[in-house]
Amino acid sequence: MDTKVLRLRGNADKRIRAGHVWVYSNEVDTLKTPLTGFTAGDQVVIENAAGKALGTAFVNPNTLICARLISRSPKTFLNKKQIQNRIECALRLRSLNFALPYYRLVFGDSDALPGLVVDRFDDVCVVQISSAGMEQCKTAIITALNNVLAPKSIIFKNDGKMRRVEGLDTYVECVGENCDYLRVVENGVEFVVPIQGAQKTGWFYDHRVNRAMLQPYVQGKRVLDLFSYVGGWGLQAAAFGAEQVVAVDVSAGALEVLNENARLQGVEARTSTIRGDVFEVVEQMLQDKEKFDLVIADPPAFIPRRKDIKAGERAYGRLNEIALRLLSREGILVSASCSMHLEANRHIDLIRAAGRQVDRFVQVLGRGHQGPDHPILPAIPETDYIKAVFVRSLPSV
């Protein structure tokens, strides 16, 4: 079968040559290579306007990002051998950084496996496929993971929004032994998370290094964990010696899991939960004149799309302002974000503005990032998305 070619318009190869791996539909020369000539999931050779090959890619003619580079070589297509080689390469990086087998094993484009995420929970792998091309490689992914790790379970948690964008069905499927719970060990603290009803892969490894930064600040302190989910931040604060942790989340299921993990760790006497809309709960706390030594604010992405930047920044600003009001004298705010469209310096600026709004003198103590199991591609800002700022709040001087 002849290799299909996707030809770019004049100068549309500039980003690709600079290191990017995405091609947008408006960059395609549709006169020479009509998008209607491709099927979602095809592997193609990308050419510039002069016909020079730039590499190979998955293509989806029905999406804004219509191609994702697989290789810079026009002769390299993704097959069983390539997938296994790249998973082995990803594993070598994680093994350098983590003594225990709990981490994000594959981070999509950043590990040269576009549309594939694999989180490892010891002998269980949770897989998310978000591109039509990678869906066609599902059998090869199973084979590669079995060859490299021999897990007892491979769980396909293919129920994310990106699958609908790619025209893919959503489903959850287990290959191997049935598994109802995931065991997580992070920063020396153990958690158990049910797969049913869990967000994304069940755990957010991306803030691991930032959660470790809590240790010097929480000993004997009263801690408020906003948007707590199952307690990744708050229960680690308790394990690190916090006197009291109050966790707030809208999900009753998440808080039930948090309470179970508090019992597992033996910190249930120092942990309490409040179910409700976080903004409504903290407004009531302000009215009740509650004070905390440390407030953790790690919300879901307030800026899911570029068009949401203004509204999202207002939400981050309001959240930081409320959190600062809840702090005791010399209290610590951990302001976190997973919004790729919130730039790191803009995040700092929102904290600065919130400090001025509530008449606080704020000191930035540290800035956290995503861990090395979420490597960043320098040419793709979207892969650099995690931010955590540790701020000390003082009365205005």
Protein backbone atom coordinates (compact mmCIF):
# COMPACT_ATOMS: atom_id res chain seq x y z
CA MET A 1 0.00 0.00 0.00
CA ASP A 2 1.31 3.43 -0.94
CA THR A 3 2.30 5.78 1.87
CA LYS A 4 -0.10 8.70 2.26
CA VAL A 5 1.33 12.22 2.23
CA LEU A 6 0.05 15.33 4.01
CA ARG A 7 1.40 18.49 2.36
CA LEU A 8 1.69 21.76 4.32
CA ARG A 9 1.11 25.27 3.03
CA GLY A 10 3.93 27.73 2.47
CA ASN A 11 5.82 28.58 5.71
CA ALA A 12 3.53 26.28 7.70
CA ASP A 13 6.50 24.08 8.53
CA LYS A 14 8.14 26.75 10.69
CA ARG A 15 6.76 25.47 14.01
CA ILE A 16 7.54 21.85 13.13
CA ARG A 17 11.14 22.73 12.28
CA ALA A 18 11.37 24.60 15.61
CA GLY A 19 10.43 21.47 17.55
CA HIS A 20 6.63 21.44 17.70
CA VAL A 21 4.83 18.20 16.88
CA TRP A 22 1.31 19.36 16.02
CA VAL A 23 -0.14 20.35 12.64
CA TYR A 24 -3.33 22.42 12.55
CA SER A 25 -5.93 21.91 9.83
CA ASN A 26 -5.47 25.46 8.49
CA GLU A 27 -1.79 24.69 7.85
CA VAL A 28 -2.56 21.95 5.32
CA ASP A 29 -2.41 22.52 1.56
CA THR A 30 -5.86 21.08 0.93
CA LEU A 31 -5.61 21.59 -2.82
CA LYS A 32 -2.72 19.13 -3.11
CA THR A 33 -3.69 16.88 -0.18
CA PRO A 34 -7.42 17.25 0.61
CA LEU A 35 -8.21 16.26 4.18
CA THR A 36 -11.15 14.26 2.85
CA GLY A 37 -8.57 11.83 1.47
CA PHE A 38 -7.58 10.68 4.96
CA THR A 39 -9.18 8.48 7.58
CA ALA A 40 -8.86 9.22 11.30
CA GLY A 41 -5.88 7.28 12.60
CA ASP A 42 -3.93 7.08 9.34
CA GLN A 43 -0.14 7.27 9.59
CA VAL A 44 1.20 9.68 6.99
CA VAL A 45 4.36 11.41 5.82
CA ILE A 46 4.34 15.16 6.46
CA GLU A 47 5.87 17.32 3.72
CA ASN A 48 6.54 21.03 3.55
CA ALA A 49 5.27 23.16 0.68
CA ALA A 50 8.31 22.26 -1.43
CA GLY A 51 7.72 18.55 -0.98
CA LYS A 52 10.51 17.94 1.55
CA ALA A 53 9.62 15.23 4.07
CA LEU A 54 9.46 16.45 7.69
CA GLY A 55 8.59 13.14 9.33
CA THR A 56 5.63 10.86 9.99
CA ALA A 57 2.44 11.53 11.92
CA PHE A 58 -0.96 10.32 13.00
CA VAL A 59 -3.67 12.20 11.14
CA ASN A 60 -7.28 13.00 11.97
CA PRO A 61 -8.98 15.07 9.24
CA ASN A 62 -11.91 15.93 11.52
CA THR A 63 -10.06 17.82 14.28
CA LEU A 64 -8.35 21.20 14.65
CA ILE A 65 -5.06 19.47 15.47
CA CYS A 66 -5.18 17.29 12.39
CA ALA A 67 -1.75 15.64 12.67
CA ARG A 68 0.64 14.71 15.48
CA LEU A 69 4.23 13.85 14.70
CA ILE A 70 5.45 10.33 15.43
CA SER A 71 8.98 10.68 14.10
CA ARG A 72 11.26 13.14 12.32
CA SER A 73 12.24 10.32 9.97
CA PRO A 74 9.90 9.84 6.98
CA LYS A 75 10.66 6.10 7.14
CA THR A 76 9.65 5.54 10.77
CA PHE A 77 6.06 4.56 11.49
CA LEU A 78 4.65 3.53 14.84
CA ASN A 79 4.49 -0.26 15.20
CA LYS A 80 4.83 -2.82 18.01
CA LYS A 81 8.60 -2.51 18.13
CA GLN A 82 8.57 1.30 18.18
CA ILE A 83 5.93 1.43 20.92
CA GLN A 84 7.87 -0.98 23.11
CA ASN A 85 11.14 0.88 22.52
CA ARG A 86 9.55 4.18 23.54
CA ILE A 87 7.90 2.73 26.65
CA GLU A 88 11.27 1.25 27.66
CA CYS A 89 12.88 4.66 27.13
CA ALA A 90 10.19 6.30 29.27
CA LEU A 91 10.71 3.69 31.99
CA ARG A 92 14.45 4.40 32.16
CA LEU A 93 13.71 8.06 32.94
CA ARG A 94 11.21 7.22 35.69
CA SER A 95 13.54 4.63 37.21
CA LEU A 96 16.22 7.31 37.57
CA ASN A 97 13.90 9.52 39.59
CA PHE A 98 11.63 7.23 41.62
CA ALA A 99 12.61 4.32 43.85
CA LEU A 100 9.09 2.91 43.95
CA PRO A 101 6.93 1.98 40.91
CA TYR A 102 4.33 4.72 41.28
CA TYR A 103 4.50 7.40 38.59
CA ARG A 104 3.29 8.56 35.18
CA LEU A 105 5.06 6.14 32.89
CA VAL A 106 4.03 7.73 29.58
CA PHE A 107 3.15 11.39 29.08
CA GLY A 108 1.88 11.57 25.52
CA ASP A 109 3.78 13.80 23.11
CA SER A 110 6.52 14.34 25.70
CA ASP A 111 7.42 10.65 25.44
CA ALA A 112 6.95 10.53 21.64
CA LEU A 113 3.68 8.61 22.04
CA PRO A 114 1.01 11.15 21.04
CA GLY A 115 -2.40 10.48 22.52
CA LEU A 116 -1.16 7.97 25.11
CA VAL A 117 -0.99 8.34 28.90
CA VAL A 118 0.03 5.48 31.17
CA ASP A 119 0.06 5.79 34.96
CA ARG A 120 1.79 3.01 36.88
CA PHE A 121 0.53 1.80 40.24
CA ASP A 122 3.06 -0.96 40.96
CA ASP A 123 1.64 -4.00 39.13
CA VAL A 124 -1.38 -2.14 37.72
CA CYS A 125 -1.22 0.19 34.70
CA VAL A 126 -4.01 2.66 33.97
CA VAL A 127 -4.05 3.69 30.32
CA GLN A 128 -5.79 6.59 28.61
CA ILE A 129 -5.88 6.83 24.82
CA SER A 130 -7.00 10.17 23.39
CA SER A 131 -6.16 9.99 19.67
CA ALA A 132 -7.60 7.94 16.83
CA GLY A 133 -4.13 6.86 15.71
CA MET A 134 -3.16 5.55 19.13
CA GLU A 135 -6.48 3.73 19.46
CA GLN A 136 -5.47 1.65 16.46
CA CYS A 137 -2.29 0.69 18.36
CA LYS A 138 -4.19 -0.63 21.40
CA THR A 139 -3.14 -4.27 20.92
CA ALA A 140 0.49 -3.20 20.47
CA ILE A 141 0.28 -1.13 23.68
CA ILE A 142 -0.97 -4.16 25.63
CA THR A 143 1.82 -6.32 24.23
CA ALA A 144 4.48 -3.70 25.00
CA LEU A 145 3.32 -3.17 28.59
CA ASN A 146 3.20 -6.92 29.19
CA ASN A 147 6.69 -7.34 27.74
CA VAL A 148 8.20 -4.43 29.66
CA LEU A 149 6.38 -4.59 33.03
CA ALA A 150 4.27 -7.77 33.09
CA PRO A 151 1.50 -6.03 35.11
CA LYS A 152 -1.28 -8.10 36.61
CA SER A 153 -3.85 -5.57 35.29
CA ILE A 154 -4.02 -3.07 32.45
CA ILE A 155 -7.02 -0.79 32.85
CA PHE A 156 -8.13 1.29 29.88
CA LYS A 157 -9.81 4.36 31.37
CA ASN A 158 -10.91 5.67 27.99
CA ASP A 159 -13.69 7.98 29.09
CA GLY A 160 -12.09 11.42 28.66
CA LYS A 161 -13.40 14.41 26.71
CA MET A 162 -10.62 14.29 24.11
CA ARG A 163 -11.92 10.97 22.79
CA ARG A 164 -15.18 12.61 21.76
CA VAL A 165 -13.19 15.34 19.97
CA GLU A 166 -11.33 12.60 18.07
CA GLY A 167 -14.59 10.81 17.23
CA LEU A 168 -13.85 7.85 19.50
CA ASP A 169 -16.22 5.89 21.71
CA THR A 170 -15.72 6.04 25.47
CA TYR A 171 -15.27 2.93 27.59
CA VAL A 172 -13.51 1.43 30.60
CA GLU A 173 -11.94 -2.00 30.15
CA CYS A 174 -9.68 -4.25 32.20
CA VAL A 175 -7.12 -6.58 30.62
CA GLY A 176 -5.81 -9.20 33.02
CA GLU A 177 -6.94 -9.55 36.63
CA ASN A 178 -9.96 -7.55 37.71
CA CYS A 179 -8.93 -4.62 39.88
CA ASP A 180 -11.28 -2.41 41.89
CA TYR A 181 -8.73 -0.32 43.79
CA LEU A 182 -5.42 1.38 43.05
CA ARG A 183 -2.69 1.48 45.69
CA VAL A 184 -0.57 4.62 45.60
CA VAL A 185 2.59 5.45 47.55
CA GLU A 186 3.65 9.07 47.25
CA ASN A 187 6.27 10.85 49.35
CA GLY A 188 6.17 7.95 51.77
CA VAL A 189 2.40 8.18 52.28
CA GLU A 190 0.07 5.37 51.19
CA PHE A 191 -3.35 5.83 49.59
CA VAL A 192 -6.01 3.50 48.21
CA VAL A 193 -8.22 4.86 45.43
CA PRO A 194 -11.21 3.06 43.87
CA ILE A 195 -11.18 2.91 40.08
CA GLN A 196 -14.94 3.24 39.77
CA GLY A 197 -15.86 6.92 39.67
CA ALA A 198 -12.24 8.10 39.88
CA GLN A 199 -11.17 11.23 38.01
CA LYS A 200 -9.00 10.56 34.95
CA THR A 201 -6.55 7.76 35.82
CA GLY A 202 -7.49 7.88 39.52
CA TRP A 203 -4.51 9.86 40.82
CA PHE A 204 -2.72 13.11 39.96
CA TYR A 205 1.00 12.40 40.07
CA ASP A 206 1.84 15.79 38.56
CA HIS A 207 1.90 17.66 41.91
CA ARG A 208 3.99 15.01 43.72
CA VAL A 209 7.14 17.16 44.11
CA ASN A 210 5.05 20.13 45.23
CA ARG A 211 3.24 18.12 47.88
CA ALA A 212 6.63 17.05 49.25
CA MET A 213 7.39 20.76 49.73
CA LEU A 214 4.70 20.92 52.43
CA GLN A 215 6.88 19.19 55.01
CA PRO A 216 8.66 22.16 56.63
CA TYR A 217 5.48 24.22 56.88
CA VAL A 218 2.81 21.96 58.40
CA GLN A 219 4.22 20.55 61.66
CA GLY A 220 1.69 21.32 64.42
CA LYS A 221 -0.33 23.59 62.10
CA ARG A 222 -4.00 23.93 61.20
CA VAL A 223 -4.38 23.22 57.46
CA LEU A 224 -7.23 23.88 55.02
CA ASP A 225 -7.24 21.77 51.83
CA LEU A 226 -9.53 23.27 49.18
CA PHE A 227 -10.66 21.14 46.22
CA SER A 228 -9.20 18.24 48.16
CA TYR A 229 -10.35 15.37 45.90
CA VAL A 230 -9.19 12.21 47.79
CA GLY A 231 -6.68 14.05 49.97
CA GLY A 232 -3.42 14.03 48.02
CA TRP A 233 -2.39 17.34 49.60
CA GLY A 234 -4.28 17.33 52.89
CA LEU A 235 -3.51 13.79 54.02
CA GLN A 236 0.16 14.25 53.20
CA ALA A 237 0.07 17.37 55.37
CA ALA A 238 -1.44 15.26 58.17
CA ALA A 239 1.19 12.56 57.67
CA PHE A 240 3.89 15.25 57.83
CA GLY A 241 2.63 16.35 61.27
CA ALA A 242 -0.24 18.84 60.82
CA GLU A 243 -2.30 19.21 63.98
CA GLN A 244 -5.58 19.50 62.07
CA VAL A 245 -6.57 19.18 58.41
CA VAL A 246 -9.93 20.36 57.08
CA ALA A 247 -10.67 19.10 53.55
CA VAL A 248 -13.31 20.69 51.33
CA ASP A 249 -14.67 19.20 48.11
CA VAL A 250 -17.97 19.06 46.25
CA SER A 251 -17.75 15.29 45.69
CA ALA A 252 -19.17 13.08 48.44
CA GLY A 253 -17.46 10.07 46.88
CA ALA A 254 -14.05 11.74 46.94
CA LEU A 255 -14.45 12.73 50.58
CA GLU A 256 -15.52 9.20 51.50
CA VAL A 257 -12.28 7.91 49.97
CA LEU A 258 -10.35 10.63 51.81
CA ASN A 259 -11.83 9.54 55.13
CA GLU A 260 -10.95 5.91 54.40
CA ASN A 261 -7.36 6.92 53.65
CA ALA A 262 -7.22 9.00 56.84
CA ARG A 263 -8.12 5.85 58.76
CA LEU A 264 -5.56 3.86 56.78
CA GLN A 265 -2.85 6.33 57.82
CA GLY A 266 -4.06 6.64 61.40
CA VAL A 267 -4.72 10.39 61.12
CA GLU A 268 -8.53 10.33 61.21
CA ALA A 269 -8.59 12.13 64.58
CA ARG A 270 -6.76 15.07 62.98
CA THR A 271 -8.78 15.11 59.74
CA SER A 272 -12.27 16.40 58.98
CA THR A 273 -14.19 16.99 55.76
CA ILE A 274 -16.77 19.46 54.49
CA ARG A 275 -18.80 18.71 51.39
CA GLY A 276 -19.94 21.67 49.32
CA ASP A 277 -19.12 24.26 46.71
CA VAL A 278 -15.68 25.48 47.74
CA PHE A 279 -16.41 29.16 47.21
CA GLU A 280 -19.60 28.95 49.28
CA VAL A 281 -17.84 27.03 52.06
CA VAL A 282 -14.95 29.47 52.34
CA GLU A 283 -17.30 32.47 52.32
CA GLN A 284 -19.05 30.93 55.34
CA MET A 285 -15.65 30.35 56.97
CA LEU A 286 -14.86 34.04 56.55
CA GLN A 287 -18.15 34.97 58.19
CA ASP A 288 -17.33 32.58 61.03
CA LYS A 289 -13.89 34.22 61.36
CA GLU A 290 -12.07 30.93 60.83
CA LYS A 291 -8.27 31.06 60.56
CA PHE A 292 -5.74 28.55 59.28
CA ASP A 293 -1.95 28.41 59.39
CA LEU A 294 -1.74 26.99 55.88
CA VAL A 295 -4.27 26.99 53.03
CA ILE A 296 -3.90 24.76 49.98
CA ALA A 297 -5.84 25.90 46.90
CA ASP A 298 -5.48 23.37 44.07
CA PRO A 299 -8.61 23.76 41.94
CA PRO A 300 -9.52 22.02 38.69
CA ALA A 301 -8.44 23.89 35.57
CA PHE A 302 -10.28 27.22 35.63
CA ILE A 303 -8.96 27.90 32.09
CA PRO A 304 -9.72 24.76 30.04
CA ARG A 305 -9.55 26.66 26.73
CA ARG A 306 -7.77 29.78 25.55
CA LYS A 307 -11.07 31.63 25.25
CA ASP A 308 -11.63 31.10 29.01
CA ILE A 309 -8.52 33.03 30.09
CA LYS A 310 -10.27 36.17 31.37
CA ALA A 311 -12.97 34.33 33.31
CA GLY A 312 -10.46 31.82 34.62
CA GLU A 313 -8.04 34.48 35.82
CA ARG A 314 -10.88 36.15 37.71
CA ALA A 315 -11.64 32.81 39.41
CA TYR A 316 -7.97 32.28 40.37
CA GLY A 317 -7.78 35.84 41.66
CA ARG A 318 -10.89 35.44 43.78
CA LEU A 319 -9.68 32.11 45.16
CA ASN A 320 -6.28 33.50 46.14
CA GLU A 321 -7.90 36.53 47.75
CA ILE A 322 -10.22 34.40 49.88
CA ALA A 323 -7.41 32.03 50.82
CA LEU A 324 -5.24 34.95 51.99
CA ARG A 325 -8.12 36.27 54.13
CA LEU A 326 -8.38 32.89 55.84
CA LEU A 327 -4.72 32.81 56.84
CA SER A 328 -3.51 33.53 60.33
CA ARG A 329 -0.63 35.93 60.90
CA GLU A 330 2.43 34.67 58.99
CA GLY A 331 0.32 31.95 57.40
CA ILE A 332 1.28 30.07 54.24
CA LEU A 333 -0.74 29.90 51.02
CA VAL A 334 -0.08 27.12 48.52
CA SER A 335 -1.60 28.43 45.30
CA ALA A 336 -1.67 25.69 42.66
CA SER A 337 -2.89 25.51 39.08
CA CYS A 338 -3.16 22.84 36.39
CA SER A 339 -4.35 25.27 33.69
CA MET A 340 -1.96 25.16 30.74
CA HIS A 341 -3.30 28.54 29.61
CA LEU A 342 -2.27 30.26 32.85
CA GLU A 343 1.31 31.40 32.42
CA ALA A 344 3.59 31.00 35.44
CA ASN A 345 4.40 34.72 35.70
CA ARG A 346 0.74 35.60 35.31
CA HIS A 347 -0.04 33.21 38.18
CA ILE A 348 2.42 35.13 40.39
CA ASP A 349 0.85 38.40 39.26
CA LEU A 350 -2.61 37.21 40.30
CA ILE A 351 -1.26 36.33 43.75
CA ARG A 352 0.41 39.75 43.99
CA ALA A 353 -2.86 41.46 43.05
CA ALA A 354 -4.81 39.37 45.59
CA GLY A 355 -2.32 40.39 48.29
CA ARG A 356 -2.80 44.06 47.50
CA GLN A 357 -6.58 43.62 47.43
CA VAL A 358 -6.65 42.23 50.99
CA ASP A 359 -3.81 44.47 52.24
CA ARG A 360 -1.28 41.69 52.80
CA PHE A 361 2.50 41.75 52.44
CA VAL A 362 3.21 38.54 50.53
CA GLN A 363 6.54 36.76 50.20
CA VAL A 364 7.09 34.05 47.60
CA LEU A 365 8.94 31.23 49.36
CA GLY A 366 9.12 28.78 46.50
CA ARG A 367 7.72 27.87 43.11
CA GLY A 368 6.89 24.28 42.29
CA HIS A 369 6.57 22.49 38.99
CA GLN A 370 5.44 19.18 37.56
CA GLY A 371 7.63 16.19 38.32
CA PRO A 372 10.13 14.52 35.99
CA ASP A 373 7.54 11.90 35.07
CA HIS A 374 5.78 14.75 33.22
CA PRO A 375 8.66 15.93 30.98
CA ILE A 376 8.23 19.16 29.06
CA LEU A 377 8.78 19.67 25.35
CA PRO A 378 10.33 23.16 25.07
CA ALA A 379 8.52 23.91 21.81
CA ILE A 380 5.11 22.98 23.22
CA PRO A 381 4.00 25.29 26.06
CA GLU A 382 0.96 23.07 26.63
CA THR A 383 3.21 20.36 28.10
CA ASP A 384 4.35 22.83 30.79
CA TYR A 385 1.15 23.18 32.77
CA ILE A 386 1.63 22.58 36.52
CA LYS A 387 2.31 25.50 38.86
CA ALA A 388 2.49 25.72 42.65
CA VAL A 389 3.52 28.86 44.53
CA PHE A 390 4.26 28.84 48.26
CA VAL A 391 3.46 32.27 49.68
CA ARG A 392 3.89 33.68 53.17
CA SER A 393 1.31 36.25 54.17
CA LEU A 394 2.10 39.07 56.61
CA PRO A 395 0.16 42.12 57.74
CA SER A 396 0.87 44.99 55.42
CA VAL A 397 4.11 46.75 56.28
